Amino acid sequence: MNTFYWLVKREFWEHRGSFLWTPVITTAVIVALNIMVIIFGLVAGGRHGTHLMWQQLASADPDDIKKVSALLDVAALMPFVVASIVLFFVLFSYCMKSLSSDRNDRSILFWKSLPISDLSTVISKAFSAIVVAPIIMVIISIIGAILVYLTYAITAAFHGINFGTVMWTLPHPGNLIASMAGILPIYMVWILPSVGWLMLCSAWSKGKVARWAIALPVGVGVVLTWVGAMATWSGSAPALGNSTEWLWKNIILRAALGLFPGGWASQMSHMATASYHGDTGWNIDSLAGALANNVGHQYHLLWSPAFLWGALAGLIMLAIAIWLRRWRTEL
């Protein structure tokens, strides 16, 4: 276990820029943009002698307050949304290079000389992609959301509005944070086949991993789609059209794009729309409440065939990647 810990730590050290500083910089940019929007609003409002958002709060009109509350939640959610998009590219690049880069620079000779098994090496890299990077992204996104709330609360305080009202009472930070953290287990299971496929290609290919990871499944899908279209047009096998659609949705696109957070939305038969008024006093009719409610309703997907078969396929591909790393010794 101690060896595995240091292997994971080594992955973090080697990819600190991608795992840590990329989401930090992304979140900092979003927070800075929010500050710029606030400053622009203050300047524009000063020129016209009005500060609409703060006047709505001061008027205590329920509809206006509800709109401001939703605006605060949307602004606080943006660091998570943008960081999730960045996470897709980070993990895609990391998994494709995870088992091929050390063969290209011949550092694999050094690692092979150490008493570290190929099983531990591959699992530590998969663990870094599936667990470490998403957790770091969510933690940084939560900090970004709090900073966004803080900037609006400070601005409101300068306009004579209670700081705590804008920081804690109007928005729904608890629901928003619960949504960000709660989505992690679903995401970790969902990306298993994508991580397994990309690492398998990385272990197999001597170079240009993308041609195996992307070009191969897409090429196969295009050929099968063309065959299915021809068969449907001739009337010999109209069911092939549905088969190719299933192939694209559940295998090809999931292998290539499954790292994108929220990709499992197509597996949901419905989205939760129920309202709930808890002891916290938060009204879950808000955006943040709806998100938290939806995340809770998504956990049943973990037992669906798309998740279970996908996780099994991912584990099988990781096992093949371990075998390839052990026996594929040519550089």
C-alpha atoms as a PDB file:
ATOM      1  CA  MET A   1       0.000   0.000   0.000  1.00  0.00           C
ATOM      2  CA  ASN A   2       2.887   2.358   0.775  1.00  0.00           C
ATOM      3  CA  THR A   3       4.332   1.684  -2.689  1.00  0.00           C
ATOM      4  CA  PHE A   4       0.993   2.456  -4.324  1.00  0.00           C
ATOM      5  CA  TYR A   5       0.752   5.722  -2.374  1.00  0.00           C
ATOM      6  CA  TRP A   6       4.139   6.865  -3.647  1.00  0.00           C
ATOM      7  CA  LEU A   7       3.294   5.816  -7.204  1.00  0.00           C
ATOM      8  CA  VAL A   8       0.148   7.966  -7.093  1.00  0.00           C
ATOM      9  CA  LYS A   9       2.136  10.797  -5.563  1.00  0.00           C
ATOM     10  CA  ARG A  10       4.703  10.460  -8.344  1.00  0.00           C
ATOM     11  CA  GLU A  11       1.937  10.795 -10.929  1.00  0.00           C
ATOM     12  CA  PHE A  12       0.751  13.952  -9.203  1.00  0.00           C
ATOM     13  CA  TRP A  13       4.271  15.386  -9.089  1.00  0.00           C
ATOM     14  CA  GLU A  14       4.882  14.626 -12.765  1.00  0.00           C
ATOM     15  CA  HIS A  15       1.518  16.074 -13.848  1.00  0.00           C
ATOM     16  CA  ARG A  16       1.086  18.818 -11.289  1.00  0.00           C
ATOM     17  CA  GLY A  17       0.549  21.354 -14.067  1.00  0.00           C
ATOM     18  CA  SER A  18      -2.362  19.427 -15.578  1.00  0.00           C
ATOM     19  CA  PHE A  19      -3.946  18.100 -12.383  1.00  0.00           C
ATOM     20  CA  LEU A  20      -3.557  21.168 -10.169  1.00  0.00           C
ATOM     21  CA  TRP A  21      -2.499  24.359 -11.904  1.00  0.00           C
ATOM     22  CA  THR A  22      -4.749  24.020 -14.946  1.00  0.00           C
ATOM     23  CA  PRO A  23      -7.991  23.992 -12.879  1.00  0.00           C
ATOM     24  CA  VAL A  24      -6.539  26.635 -10.530  1.00  0.00           C
ATOM     25  CA  ILE A  25      -5.798  28.996 -13.430  1.00  0.00           C
ATOM     26  CA  THR A  26      -9.143  28.249 -15.087  1.00  0.00           C
ATOM     27  CA  THR A  27     -11.051  28.962 -11.873  1.00  0.00           C
ATOM     28  CA  ALA A  28      -9.016  32.114 -11.238  1.00  0.00           C
ATOM     29  CA  VAL A  29      -9.902  33.373 -14.714  1.00  0.00           C
ATOM     30  CA  ILE A  30     -13.629  32.762 -14.127  1.00  0.00           C
ATOM     31  CA  VAL A  31     -13.503  34.543 -10.757  1.00  0.00           C
ATOM     32  CA  ALA A  32     -11.606  37.446 -12.365  1.00  0.00           C
ATOM     33  CA  LEU A  33     -14.212  37.658 -15.133  1.00  0.00           C
ATOM     34  CA  ASN A  34     -16.957  37.841 -12.499  1.00  0.00           C
ATOM     35  CA  ILE A  35     -15.138  40.704 -10.804  1.00  0.00           C
ATOM     36  CA  MET A  36     -14.818  42.461 -14.167  1.00  0.00           C
ATOM     37  CA  VAL A  37     -18.561  42.009 -14.779  1.00  0.00           C
ATOM     38  CA  ILE A  38     -19.317  43.489 -11.356  1.00  0.00           C
ATOM     39  CA  ILE A  39     -17.014  46.455 -11.993  1.00  0.00           C
ATOM     40  CA  PHE A  40     -18.550  47.002 -15.430  1.00  0.00           C
ATOM     41  CA  GLY A  41     -22.023  46.921 -13.886  1.00  0.00           C
ATOM     42  CA  LEU A  42     -21.018  49.437 -11.221  1.00  0.00           C
ATOM     43  CA  VAL A  43     -19.470  51.788 -13.778  1.00  0.00           C
ATOM     44  CA  ALA A  44     -22.416  51.509 -16.163  1.00  0.00           C
ATOM     45  CA  GLY A  45     -24.877  51.894 -13.300  1.00  0.00           C
ATOM     46  CA  GLY A  46     -23.005  54.918 -12.006  1.00  0.00           C
ATOM     47  CA  ARG A  47     -23.223  56.629 -15.356  1.00  0.00           C
ATOM     48  CA  HIS A  48     -26.970  56.091 -15.503  1.00  0.00           C
ATOM     49  CA  GLY A  49     -27.523  56.663 -11.810  1.00  0.00           C
ATOM     50  CA  THR A  50     -28.833  53.172 -11.089  1.00  0.00           C
ATOM     51  CA  HIS A  51     -27.649  49.793  -9.756  1.00  0.00           C
ATOM     52  CA  LEU A  52     -30.456  47.540 -10.877  1.00  0.00           C
ATOM     53  CA  MET A  53     -29.441  44.316  -9.166  1.00  0.00           C
ATOM     54  CA  TRP A  54     -28.947  45.937  -5.772  1.00  0.00           C
ATOM     55  CA  GLN A  55     -32.124  47.981  -6.143  1.00  0.00           C
ATOM     56  CA  GLN A  56     -34.025  44.746  -6.708  1.00  0.00           C
ATOM     57  CA  LEU A  57     -32.631  43.389  -3.462  1.00  0.00           C
ATOM     58  CA  ALA A  58     -33.431  46.578  -1.579  1.00  0.00           C
ATOM     59  CA  SER A  59     -37.008  46.600  -2.885  1.00  0.00           C
ATOM     60  CA  ALA A  60     -37.609  43.177  -1.273  1.00  0.00           C
ATOM     61  CA  ASP A  61     -39.883  42.164  -4.147  1.00  0.00           C
ATOM     62  CA  PRO A  62     -40.144  38.324  -4.033  1.00  0.00           C
ATOM     63  CA  ASP A  63     -39.851  37.900  -7.799  1.00  0.00           C
ATOM     64  CA  ASP A  64     -36.809  40.163  -7.996  1.00  0.00           C
ATOM     65  CA  ILE A  65     -35.154  38.433  -5.067  1.00  0.00           C
ATOM     66  CA  LYS A  66     -35.718  35.055  -6.709  1.00  0.00           C
ATOM     67  CA  LYS A  67     -34.074  36.304  -9.910  1.00  0.00           C
ATOM     68  CA  VAL A  68     -31.048  37.613  -8.012  1.00  0.00           C
ATOM     69  CA  SER A  69     -30.796  34.304  -6.153  1.00  0.00           C
ATOM     70  CA  ALA A  70     -30.756  32.375  -9.435  1.00  0.00           C
ATOM     71  CA  LEU A  71     -28.152  34.759 -10.859  1.00  0.00           C
ATOM     72  CA  LEU A  72     -25.865  34.159  -7.879  1.00  0.00           C
ATOM     73  CA  ASP A  73     -26.174  30.380  -8.265  1.00  0.00           C
ATOM     74  CA  VAL A  74     -25.450  30.516 -12.005  1.00  0.00           C
ATOM     75  CA  ALA A  75     -22.381  32.697 -11.447  1.00  0.00           C
ATOM     76  CA  ALA A  76     -21.067  30.357  -8.726  1.00  0.00           C
ATOM     77  CA  LEU A  77     -21.645  27.305 -10.920  1.00  0.00           C
ATOM     78  CA  MET A  78     -19.541  28.637 -13.816  1.00  0.00           C
ATOM     79  CA  PRO A  79     -16.116  27.666 -12.338  1.00  0.00           C
ATOM     80  CA  PHE A  80     -17.323  24.062 -12.122  1.00  0.00           C
ATOM     81  CA  VAL A  81     -18.746  24.048 -15.657  1.00  0.00           C
ATOM     82  CA  VAL A  82     -15.600  25.455 -17.254  1.00  0.00           C
ATOM     83  CA  ALA A  83     -13.291  23.295 -15.108  1.00  0.00           C
ATOM     84  CA  SER A  84     -15.274  20.201 -16.168  1.00  0.00           C
ATOM     85  CA  ILE A  85     -14.644  21.001 -19.835  1.00  0.00           C
ATOM     86  CA  VAL A  86     -10.944  21.514 -19.118  1.00  0.00           C
ATOM     87  CA  LEU A  87     -10.865  18.234 -17.159  1.00  0.00           C
ATOM     88  CA  PHE A  88     -11.974  16.348 -20.276  1.00  0.00           C
ATOM     89  CA  PHE A  89      -8.951  17.547 -22.248  1.00  0.00           C
ATOM     90  CA  VAL A  90      -6.578  17.005 -19.312  1.00  0.00           C
ATOM     91  CA  LEU A  91      -7.672  13.392 -18.773  1.00  0.00           C
ATOM     92  CA  PHE A  92      -7.786  12.619 -22.489  1.00  0.00           C
ATOM     93  CA  SER A  93      -4.201  13.778 -22.963  1.00  0.00           C
ATOM     94  CA  TYR A  94      -3.006  12.119 -19.751  1.00  0.00           C
ATOM     95  CA  CYS A  95      -4.526   8.701 -20.485  1.00  0.00           C
ATOM     96  CA  MET A  96      -3.251   8.642 -24.076  1.00  0.00           C
ATOM     97  CA  LYS A  97       0.319   9.322 -22.932  1.00  0.00           C
ATOM     98  CA  SER A  98       0.220   7.414 -19.645  1.00  0.00           C
ATOM     99  CA  LEU A  99       1.873   4.185 -20.848  1.00  0.00           C
ATOM    100  CA  SER A 100       3.591   5.326 -24.033  1.00  0.00           C
ATOM    101  CA  SER A 101       5.608   8.362 -22.931  1.00  0.00           C
ATOM    102  CA  ASP A 102       8.057   6.357 -20.818  1.00  0.00           C
ATOM    103  CA  ARG A 103       8.682   4.029 -23.769  1.00  0.00           C
ATOM    104  CA  ASN A 104       9.303   6.978 -26.071  1.00  0.00           C
ATOM    105  CA  ASP A 105      11.860   8.575 -23.745  1.00  0.00           C
ATOM    106  CA  ARG A 106      13.183   5.126 -22.650  1.00  0.00           C
ATOM    107  CA  SER A 107      12.614   5.867 -18.975  1.00  0.00           C
ATOM    108  CA  ILE A 108      10.731   2.563 -18.854  1.00  0.00           C
ATOM    109  CA  LEU A 109      14.139   0.871 -18.568  1.00  0.00           C
ATOM    110  CA  PHE A 110      14.635   2.618 -15.243  1.00  0.00           C
ATOM    111  CA  TRP A 111      11.161   1.804 -13.944  1.00  0.00           C
ATOM    112  CA  LYS A 112      11.487  -1.822 -15.020  1.00  0.00           C
ATOM    113  CA  SER A 113      14.680  -2.090 -12.956  1.00  0.00           C
ATOM    114  CA  LEU A 114      12.798  -1.145  -9.772  1.00  0.00           C
ATOM    115  CA  PRO A 115      10.878  -3.655  -7.630  1.00  0.00           C
ATOM    116  CA  ILE A 116       7.558  -2.195  -8.786  1.00  0.00           C
ATOM    117  CA  SER A 117       5.030  -4.410 -10.538  1.00  0.00           C
ATOM    118  CA  ASP A 118       3.333  -3.454 -13.779  1.00  0.00           C
ATOM    119  CA  LEU A 119       0.024  -3.978 -11.980  1.00  0.00           C
ATOM    120  CA  SER A 120       0.858  -1.255  -9.443  1.00  0.00           C
ATOM    121  CA  THR A 121       2.128   1.084 -12.156  1.00  0.00           C
ATOM    122  CA  VAL A 122      -0.958   0.830 -14.371  1.00  0.00           C
ATOM    123  CA  ILE A 123      -3.434   0.926 -11.479  1.00  0.00           C
ATOM    124  CA  SER A 124      -1.745   4.017 -10.002  1.00  0.00           C
ATOM    125  CA  LYS A 125      -2.086   5.818 -13.327  1.00  0.00           C
ATOM    126  CA  ALA A 126      -5.718   4.754 -13.699  1.00  0.00           C
ATOM    127  CA  PHE A 127      -6.409   5.809 -10.090  1.00  0.00           C
ATOM    128  CA  SER A 128      -4.873   9.217 -10.782  1.00  0.00           C
ATOM    129  CA  ALA A 129      -7.168   9.725 -13.779  1.00  0.00           C
ATOM    130  CA  ILE A 130     -10.342   8.315 -12.236  1.00  0.00           C
ATOM    131  CA  VAL A 131     -10.039   9.594  -8.657  1.00  0.00           C
ATOM    132  CA  VAL A 132      -7.259  12.134  -8.069  1.00  0.00           C
ATOM    133  CA  ALA A 133      -7.810  14.562 -10.966  1.00  0.00           C
ATOM    134  CA  PRO A 134     -11.642  14.790 -10.592  1.00  0.00           C
ATOM    135  CA  ILE A 135     -11.420  15.315  -6.822  1.00  0.00           C
ATOM    136  CA  ILE A 136      -8.882  18.114  -7.250  1.00  0.00           C
ATOM    137  CA  MET A 137     -11.097  19.718  -9.896  1.00  0.00           C
ATOM    138  CA  VAL A 138     -14.166  19.609  -7.654  1.00  0.00           C
ATOM    139  CA  ILE A 139     -12.319  21.021  -4.630  1.00  0.00           C
ATOM    140  CA  ILE A 140     -10.965  23.916  -6.697  1.00  0.00           C
ATOM    141  CA  SER A 141     -14.417  24.502  -8.235  1.00  0.00           C
ATOM    142  CA  ILE A 142     -15.971  24.673  -4.767  1.00  0.00           C
ATOM    143  CA  ILE A 143     -13.361  27.230  -3.709  1.00  0.00           C
ATOM    144  CA  GLY A 144     -14.104  29.152  -6.910  1.00  0.00           C
ATOM    145  CA  ALA A 145     -17.850  29.107  -6.181  1.00  0.00           C
ATOM    146  CA  ILE A 146     -17.269  30.466  -2.677  1.00  0.00           C
ATOM    147  CA  LEU A 147     -15.033  33.220  -4.077  1.00  0.00           C
ATOM    148  CA  VAL A 148     -17.738  34.174  -6.575  1.00  0.00           C
ATOM    149  CA  TYR A 149     -20.316  34.373  -3.774  1.00  0.00           C
ATOM    150  CA  LEU A 150     -17.818  36.415  -1.770  1.00  0.00           C
ATOM    151  CA  THR A 151     -17.275  38.995  -4.532  1.00  0.00           C
ATOM    152  CA  TYR A 152     -21.015  39.579  -4.869  1.00  0.00           C
ATOM    153  CA  ALA A 153     -21.480  39.723  -1.092  1.00  0.00           C
ATOM    154  CA  ILE A 154     -18.749  42.339  -0.689  1.00  0.00           C
ATOM    155  CA  THR A 155     -20.223  44.406  -3.517  1.00  0.00           C
ATOM    156  CA  ALA A 156     -23.669  44.188  -1.923  1.00  0.00           C
ATOM    157  CA  ALA A 157     -22.238  45.292   1.435  1.00  0.00           C
ATOM    158  CA  PHE A 158     -20.930  48.476  -0.200  1.00  0.00           C
ATOM    159  CA  HIS A 159     -24.508  49.182  -1.308  1.00  0.00           C
ATOM    160  CA  GLY A 160     -25.917  48.856   2.195  1.00  0.00           C
ATOM    161  CA  ILE A 161     -27.172  45.279   1.815  1.00  0.00           C
ATOM    162  CA  ASN A 162     -26.386  42.762   4.529  1.00  0.00           C
ATOM    163  CA  PHE A 163     -23.259  40.727   3.687  1.00  0.00           C
ATOM    164  CA  GLY A 164     -24.693  37.458   4.985  1.00  0.00           C
ATOM    165  CA  THR A 165     -27.846  37.875   2.935  1.00  0.00           C
ATOM    166  CA  VAL A 166     -25.959  37.708  -0.364  1.00  0.00           C
ATOM    167  CA  MET A 167     -23.336  35.251   0.891  1.00  0.00           C
ATOM    168  CA  TRP A 168     -25.531  32.642   2.571  1.00  0.00           C
ATOM    169  CA  THR A 169     -29.256  33.462   2.655  1.00  0.00           C
ATOM    170  CA  LEU A 170     -30.160  34.271  -0.966  1.00  0.00           C
ATOM    171  CA  PRO A 171     -27.936  31.772  -2.793  1.00  0.00           C
ATOM    172  CA  HIS A 172     -27.806  28.053  -2.055  1.00  0.00           C
ATOM    173  CA  PRO A 173     -24.129  27.223  -1.450  1.00  0.00           C
ATOM    174  CA  GLY A 174     -24.895  24.001   0.394  1.00  0.00           C
ATOM    175  CA  ASN A 175     -26.912  22.586  -2.497  1.00  0.00           C
ATOM    176  CA  LEU A 176     -24.359  23.738  -5.047  1.00  0.00           C
ATOM    177  CA  ILE A 177     -21.450  22.155  -3.173  1.00  0.00           C
ATOM    178  CA  ALA A 178     -23.465  18.960  -2.643  1.00  0.00           C
ATOM    179  CA  SER A 179     -24.111  18.803  -6.403  1.00  0.00           C
ATOM    180  CA  MET A 180     -20.423  19.212  -7.252  1.00  0.00           C
ATOM    181  CA  ALA A 181     -19.229  16.617  -4.725  1.00  0.00           C
ATOM    182  CA  GLY A 182     -22.152  14.247  -5.235  1.00  0.00           C
ATOM    183  CA  ILE A 183     -21.514  13.846  -8.940  1.00  0.00           C
ATOM    184  CA  LEU A 184     -18.025  12.410  -8.344  1.00  0.00           C
ATOM    185  CA  PRO A 185     -18.971   8.711  -7.740  1.00  0.00           C
ATOM    186  CA  ILE A 186     -21.158   8.698 -10.863  1.00  0.00           C
ATOM    187  CA  TYR A 187     -18.405  10.274 -12.933  1.00  0.00           C
ATOM    188  CA  MET A 188     -15.724   7.890 -11.645  1.00  0.00           C
ATOM    189  CA  VAL A 189     -17.718   4.814 -12.658  1.00  0.00           C
ATOM    190  CA  TRP A 190     -18.819   6.315 -15.977  1.00  0.00           C
ATOM    191  CA  ILE A 191     -15.290   7.069 -17.229  1.00  0.00           C
ATOM    192  CA  LEU A 192     -13.884   3.597 -16.490  1.00  0.00           C
ATOM    193  CA  PRO A 193     -14.295   2.274 -20.072  1.00  0.00           C
ATOM    194  CA  SER A 194     -12.864   5.475 -21.575  1.00  0.00           C
ATOM    195  CA  VAL A 195      -9.839   5.396 -19.281  1.00  0.00           C
ATOM    196  CA  GLY A 196      -9.386   1.685 -19.952  1.00  0.00           C
ATOM    197  CA  TRP A 197      -9.573   2.150 -23.730  1.00  0.00           C
ATOM    198  CA  LEU A 198      -7.164   5.082 -23.850  1.00  0.00           C
ATOM    199  CA  MET A 199      -4.653   3.366 -21.566  1.00  0.00           C
ATOM    200  CA  LEU A 200      -4.942   0.165 -23.592  1.00  0.00           C
ATOM    201  CA  CYS A 201      -4.117   2.130 -26.745  1.00  0.00           C
ATOM    202  CA  SER A 202      -1.269   3.837 -24.913  1.00  0.00           C
ATOM    203  CA  ALA A 203       0.152   0.473 -23.851  1.00  0.00           C
ATOM    204  CA  TRP A 204      -0.216  -0.983 -27.352  1.00  0.00           C
ATOM    205  CA  SER A 205       0.910   1.805 -29.649  1.00  0.00           C
ATOM    206  CA  LYS A 206       4.570   2.716 -30.107  1.00  0.00           C
ATOM    207  CA  GLY A 207       3.542   6.218 -31.171  1.00  0.00           C
ATOM    208  CA  LYS A 208       0.595   8.253 -32.460  1.00  0.00           C
ATOM    209  CA  VAL A 209      -1.784   6.819 -29.885  1.00  0.00           C
ATOM    210  CA  ALA A 210      -4.617   8.976 -31.257  1.00  0.00           C
ATOM    211  CA  ARG A 211      -4.871   6.882 -34.420  1.00  0.00           C
ATOM    212  CA  TRP A 212      -5.766   3.870 -32.287  1.00  0.00           C
ATOM    213  CA  ALA A 213      -7.803   5.705 -29.671  1.00  0.00           C
ATOM    214  CA  ILE A 214      -9.897   7.823 -32.057  1.00  0.00           C
ATOM    215  CA  ALA A 215      -9.330   6.896 -35.675  1.00  0.00           C
ATOM    216  CA  LEU A 216      -9.849   3.146 -35.188  1.00  0.00           C
ATOM    217  CA  PRO A 217     -13.291   3.217 -33.476  1.00  0.00           C
ATOM    218  CA  VAL A 218     -14.508   6.101 -35.626  1.00  0.00           C
ATOM    219  CA  GLY A 219     -13.323   4.336 -38.781  1.00  0.00           C
ATOM    220  CA  VAL A 220     -15.051   1.108 -37.761  1.00  0.00           C
ATOM    221  CA  GLY A 221     -18.208   3.059 -36.948  1.00  0.00           C
ATOM    222  CA  VAL A 222     -18.194   4.840 -40.312  1.00  0.00           C
ATOM    223  CA  VAL A 223     -17.757   1.554 -42.194  1.00  0.00           C
ATOM    224  CA  LEU A 224     -20.522  -0.188 -40.239  1.00  0.00           C
ATOM    225  CA  THR A 225     -22.814   2.824 -40.665  1.00  0.00           C
ATOM    226  CA  TRP A 226     -22.222   2.760 -44.409  1.00  0.00           C
ATOM    227  CA  VAL A 227     -22.912  -0.998 -44.543  1.00  0.00           C
ATOM    228  CA  GLY A 228     -26.059  -0.521 -42.457  1.00  0.00           C
ATOM    229  CA  ALA A 229     -27.247   2.337 -44.662  1.00  0.00           C
ATOM    230  CA  MET A 230     -26.714   0.267 -47.792  1.00  0.00           C
ATOM    231  CA  ALA A 231     -28.523  -2.728 -46.259  1.00  0.00           C
ATOM    232  CA  THR A 232     -31.429  -0.537 -45.158  1.00  0.00           C
ATOM    233  CA  TRP A 233     -31.646   1.121 -48.571  1.00  0.00           C
ATOM    234  CA  SER A 234     -31.753  -2.259 -50.288  1.00  0.00           C
ATOM    235  CA  GLY A 235     -34.356  -3.490 -47.808  1.00  0.00           C
ATOM    236  CA  SER A 236     -32.370  -6.596 -46.887  1.00  0.00           C
ATOM    237  CA  ALA A 237     -31.634  -5.709 -43.233  1.00  0.00           C
ATOM    238  CA  PRO A 238     -33.388  -2.550 -42.008  1.00  0.00           C
ATOM    239  CA  ALA A 239     -32.539  -3.399 -38.374  1.00  0.00           C
ATOM    240  CA  LEU A 240     -28.862  -2.648 -39.046  1.00  0.00           C
ATOM    241  CA  GLY A 241     -29.611   1.074 -38.812  1.00  0.00           C
ATOM    242  CA  ASN A 242     -30.678   0.746 -35.177  1.00  0.00           C
ATOM    243  CA  SER A 243     -27.644  -1.436 -34.453  1.00  0.00           C
ATOM    244  CA  THR A 244     -25.202   1.132 -35.784  1.00  0.00           C
ATOM    245  CA  GLU A 245     -26.954   3.873 -33.807  1.00  0.00           C
ATOM    246  CA  TRP A 246     -26.533   1.795 -30.655  1.00  0.00           C
ATOM    247  CA  LEU A 247     -22.879   1.166 -31.559  1.00  0.00           C
ATOM    248  CA  TRP A 248     -22.140   4.877 -31.944  1.00  0.00           C
ATOM    249  CA  LYS A 249     -23.931   5.844 -28.740  1.00  0.00           C
ATOM    250  CA  ASN A 250     -22.740   3.099 -26.378  1.00  0.00           C
ATOM    251  CA  ILE A 251     -19.301   2.164 -27.668  1.00  0.00           C
ATOM    252  CA  ILE A 252     -17.649   4.557 -30.113  1.00  0.00           C
ATOM    253  CA  LEU A 253     -18.693   7.915 -28.676  1.00  0.00           C
ATOM    254  CA  ARG A 254     -18.383   6.662 -25.118  1.00  0.00           C
ATOM    255  CA  ALA A 255     -14.852   5.400 -25.724  1.00  0.00           C
ATOM    256  CA  ALA A 256     -13.795   8.675 -27.338  1.00  0.00           C
ATOM    257  CA  LEU A 257     -15.861  11.214 -25.375  1.00  0.00           C
ATOM    258  CA  GLY A 258     -16.828   9.347 -22.211  1.00  0.00           C
ATOM    259  CA  LEU A 259     -14.427  11.441 -20.127  1.00  0.00           C
ATOM    260  CA  PHE A 260     -16.740  14.435 -20.445  1.00  0.00           C
ATOM    261  CA  PRO A 261     -18.679  15.036 -17.186  1.00  0.00           C
ATOM    262  CA  GLY A 262     -22.423  14.547 -17.584  1.00  0.00           C
ATOM    263  CA  GLY A 263     -22.097  12.235 -20.576  1.00  0.00           C
ATOM    264  CA  TRP A 264     -24.465   9.788 -18.881  1.00  0.00           C
ATOM    265  CA  ALA A 265     -27.399  12.197 -19.230  1.00  0.00           C
ATOM    266  CA  SER A 266     -28.566  10.253 -22.286  1.00  0.00           C
ATOM    267  CA  GLN A 267     -29.092   7.229 -20.016  1.00  0.00           C
ATOM    268  CA  MET A 268     -31.582   9.096 -17.849  1.00  0.00           C
ATOM    269  CA  SER A 269     -35.237   8.505 -18.592  1.00  0.00           C
ATOM    270  CA  HIS A 270     -36.232  11.682 -16.804  1.00  0.00           C
ATOM    271  CA  MET A 271     -34.779  14.559 -14.835  1.00  0.00           C
ATOM    272  CA  ALA A 272     -35.900  15.208 -11.311  1.00  0.00           C
ATOM    273  CA  THR A 273     -38.135  18.239 -10.970  1.00  0.00           C
ATOM    274  CA  ALA A 274     -39.508  17.763  -7.485  1.00  0.00           C
ATOM    275  CA  SER A 275     -39.319  20.509  -4.896  1.00  0.00           C
ATOM    276  CA  TYR A 276     -38.212  20.082  -1.357  1.00  0.00           C
ATOM    277  CA  HIS A 277     -38.110  22.383   1.617  1.00  0.00           C
ATOM    278  CA  GLY A 278     -35.608  21.048   4.125  1.00  0.00           C
ATOM    279  CA  ASP A 279     -34.666  22.047   7.625  1.00  0.00           C
ATOM    280  CA  THR A 280     -31.919  24.251   6.211  1.00  0.00           C
ATOM    281  CA  GLY A 281     -34.495  26.703   4.894  1.00  0.00           C
ATOM    282  CA  TRP A 282     -33.176  26.479   1.346  1.00  0.00           C
ATOM    283  CA  ASN A 283     -35.802  26.410  -1.347  1.00  0.00           C
ATOM    284  CA  ILE A 284     -34.881  23.664  -3.781  1.00  0.00           C
ATOM    285  CA  ASP A 285     -37.009  25.267  -6.478  1.00  0.00           C
ATOM    286  CA  SER A 286     -33.775  27.147  -7.253  1.00  0.00           C
ATOM    287  CA  LEU A 287     -31.174  26.088  -9.809  1.00  0.00           C
ATOM    288  CA  ALA A 288     -28.781  24.845  -7.124  1.00  0.00           C
ATOM    289  CA  GLY A 289     -31.545  22.886  -5.427  1.00  0.00           C
ATOM    290  CA  ALA A 290     -32.649  21.316  -8.694  1.00  0.00           C
ATOM    291  CA  LEU A 291     -29.055  20.261  -9.386  1.00  0.00           C
ATOM    292  CA  ALA A 292     -28.663  18.705  -5.952  1.00  0.00           C
ATOM    293  CA  ASN A 293     -31.990  16.903  -6.345  1.00  0.00           C
ATOM    294  CA  ASN A 294     -31.019  15.607  -9.793  1.00  0.00           C
ATOM    295  CA  VAL A 295     -27.678  14.279  -8.583  1.00  0.00           C
ATOM    296  CA  GLY A 296     -29.474  12.301  -5.894  1.00  0.00           C
ATOM    297  CA  HIS A 297     -31.822  10.814  -8.489  1.00  0.00           C
ATOM    298  CA  GLN A 298     -28.919   9.778 -10.720  1.00  0.00           C
ATOM    299  CA  TYR A 299     -27.373   7.243  -8.328  1.00  0.00           C
ATOM    300  CA  HIS A 300     -29.720   4.527  -9.540  1.00  0.00           C
ATOM    301  CA  LEU A 301     -27.814   4.701 -12.833  1.00  0.00           C
ATOM    302  CA  LEU A 302     -24.834   3.044 -11.133  1.00  0.00           C
ATOM    303  CA  TRP A 303     -26.806  -0.237 -11.304  1.00  0.00           C
ATOM    304  CA  SER A 304     -27.922   0.205 -14.890  1.00  0.00           C
ATOM    305  CA  PRO A 305     -26.489  -1.990 -17.681  1.00  0.00           C
ATOM    306  CA  ALA A 306     -24.736   0.980 -19.322  1.00  0.00           C
ATOM    307  CA  PHE A 307     -22.724   1.597 -16.142  1.00  0.00           C
ATOM    308  CA  LEU A 308     -22.151  -2.023 -15.080  1.00  0.00           C
ATOM    309  CA  TRP A 309     -21.138  -3.345 -18.501  1.00  0.00           C
ATOM    310  CA  GLY A 310     -19.078  -0.234 -19.122  1.00  0.00           C
ATOM    311  CA  ALA A 311     -17.221  -0.644 -15.810  1.00  0.00           C
ATOM    312  CA  LEU A 312     -16.581  -4.314 -16.580  1.00  0.00           C
ATOM    313  CA  ALA A 313     -15.266  -3.449 -20.049  1.00  0.00           C
ATOM    314  CA  GLY A 314     -13.026  -0.798 -18.514  1.00  0.00           C
ATOM    315  CA  LEU A 315     -11.553  -3.245 -16.006  1.00  0.00           C
ATOM    316  CA  ILE A 316     -10.924  -5.816 -18.763  1.00  0.00           C
ATOM    317  CA  MET A 317      -9.124  -3.222 -20.904  1.00  0.00           C
ATOM    318  CA  LEU A 318      -7.018  -2.148 -17.920  1.00  0.00           C
ATOM    319  CA  ALA A 319      -6.095  -5.803 -17.348  1.00  0.00           C
ATOM    320  CA  ILE A 320      -5.001  -6.089 -20.993  1.00  0.00           C
ATOM    321  CA  ALA A 321      -2.987  -2.870 -20.604  1.00  0.00           C
ATOM    322  CA  ILE A 322      -1.197  -4.405 -17.610  1.00  0.00           C
ATOM    323  CA  TRP A 323      -0.408  -7.529 -19.635  1.00  0.00           C
ATOM    324  CA  LEU A 324       0.861  -5.460 -22.561  1.00  0.00           C
ATOM    325  CA  ARG A 325       3.100  -3.376 -20.333  1.00  0.00           C
ATOM    326  CA  ARG A 326       4.556  -6.528 -18.863  1.00  0.00           C
ATOM    327  CA  TRP A 327       5.304  -8.294 -22.154  1.00  0.00           C
ATOM    328  CA  ARG A 328       5.565  -5.554 -24.765  1.00  0.00           C
ATOM    329  CA  THR A 329       9.218  -4.742 -24.161  1.00  0.00           C
ATOM    330  CA  GLU A 330      10.279  -3.289 -27.525  1.00  0.00           C
ATOM    331  CA  LEU A 331      10.927   0.446 -27.502  1.00  0.00           C
END
